[in-house]
Amino acid sequence: MKNRLEKIRKQHGINQEELAKALEVSRQTIGSLENGRYNPSILLAFKIARFFDMTIEEIFIYVEDEKV
């Protein structure tokens, strides 16, 4: 799953540590999300979307696997 989290976070002038604290996760979790190494739980995706007053779809982009 791709995402625009880093771009959106930077547009809001928030660093990874601040976002992590607001979402009650580690800074490493935010870094992993931004680098595409980790997909969020549905609960975390909702928390992120609500934090930025956006929809989940505006932040996270689901790309179907071509092999399916």
Protein backbone atom coordinates (compact mmCIF):
# COMPACT_ATOMS: atom_id res chain seq x y z
CA MET A 1 0.00 0.00 0.00
CA LYS A 2 1.34 3.41 -0.91
CA ASN A 3 0.70 6.53 1.11
CA ARG A 4 1.14 10.29 1.16
CA LEU A 5 1.76 10.47 4.90
CA GLU A 6 5.21 12.10 4.78
CA LYS A 7 4.06 14.79 2.33
CA ILE A 8 0.91 15.54 4.35
CA ARG A 9 2.84 15.58 7.65
CA LYS A 10 5.39 18.03 6.25
CA GLN A 11 2.66 20.26 4.79
CA HIS A 12 1.27 20.55 8.33
CA GLY A 13 4.69 21.40 9.75
CA ILE A 14 4.76 18.39 12.06
CA ASN A 15 7.80 16.19 12.64
CA GLN A 16 7.64 12.41 13.06
CA GLU A 17 8.03 12.60 16.83
CA GLU A 18 5.10 15.02 17.22
CA LEU A 19 2.84 12.90 15.03
CA ALA A 20 3.84 9.73 16.86
CA LYS A 21 3.03 11.31 20.22
CA ALA A 22 -0.36 12.54 18.99
CA LEU A 23 -1.22 9.08 17.65
CA GLU A 24 0.25 7.23 20.65
CA VAL A 25 2.71 5.21 18.53
CA SER A 26 6.50 5.22 18.24
CA ARG A 27 8.45 7.50 15.93
CA GLN A 28 9.76 4.32 14.30
CA THR A 29 6.18 3.36 13.41
CA ILE A 30 5.69 6.68 11.63
CA GLY A 31 8.99 6.23 9.78
CA SER A 32 8.06 2.71 8.74
CA LEU A 33 4.65 3.88 7.50
CA GLU A 34 6.21 6.68 5.48
CA ASN A 35 8.78 4.34 3.93
CA GLY A 36 6.19 1.73 3.02
CA ARG A 37 7.73 -0.93 5.28
CA TYR A 38 4.57 -1.15 7.38
CA ASN A 39 0.85 -0.96 6.60
CA PRO A 40 -1.28 0.53 9.36
CA SER A 41 -4.04 -1.28 11.17
CA ILE A 42 -7.47 0.01 10.25
CA LEU A 43 -7.63 1.70 13.67
CA LEU A 44 -4.33 3.52 13.11
CA ALA A 45 -5.39 4.51 9.57
CA PHE A 46 -8.55 6.08 11.01
CA LYS A 47 -6.57 7.89 13.72
CA ILE A 48 -4.19 9.33 11.12
CA ALA A 49 -7.05 10.39 8.85
CA ARG A 50 -8.91 12.06 11.73
CA PHE A 51 -5.75 13.80 12.93
CA PHE A 52 -5.32 15.45 9.53
CA ASP A 53 -9.10 15.88 8.97
CA MET A 54 -8.89 13.79 5.81
CA THR A 55 -10.28 10.50 4.56
CA ILE A 56 -8.23 7.33 4.70
CA GLU A 57 -8.31 7.22 0.89
CA GLU A 58 -6.71 10.68 0.70
CA ILE A 59 -3.71 9.42 2.66
CA PHE A 60 -3.40 5.74 1.79
CA ILE A 61 -3.48 4.43 -1.78
CA TYR A 62 -4.34 0.79 -2.25
CA VAL A 63 -2.65 -0.76 -5.27
CA GLU A 64 -3.79 -4.23 -6.28
CA ASP A 65 -1.09 -6.80 -6.80
CA GLU A 66 -0.80 -7.53 -10.51
CA LYS A 67 -0.31 -11.22 -9.76
CA VAL A 68 -3.81 -11.64 -8.31
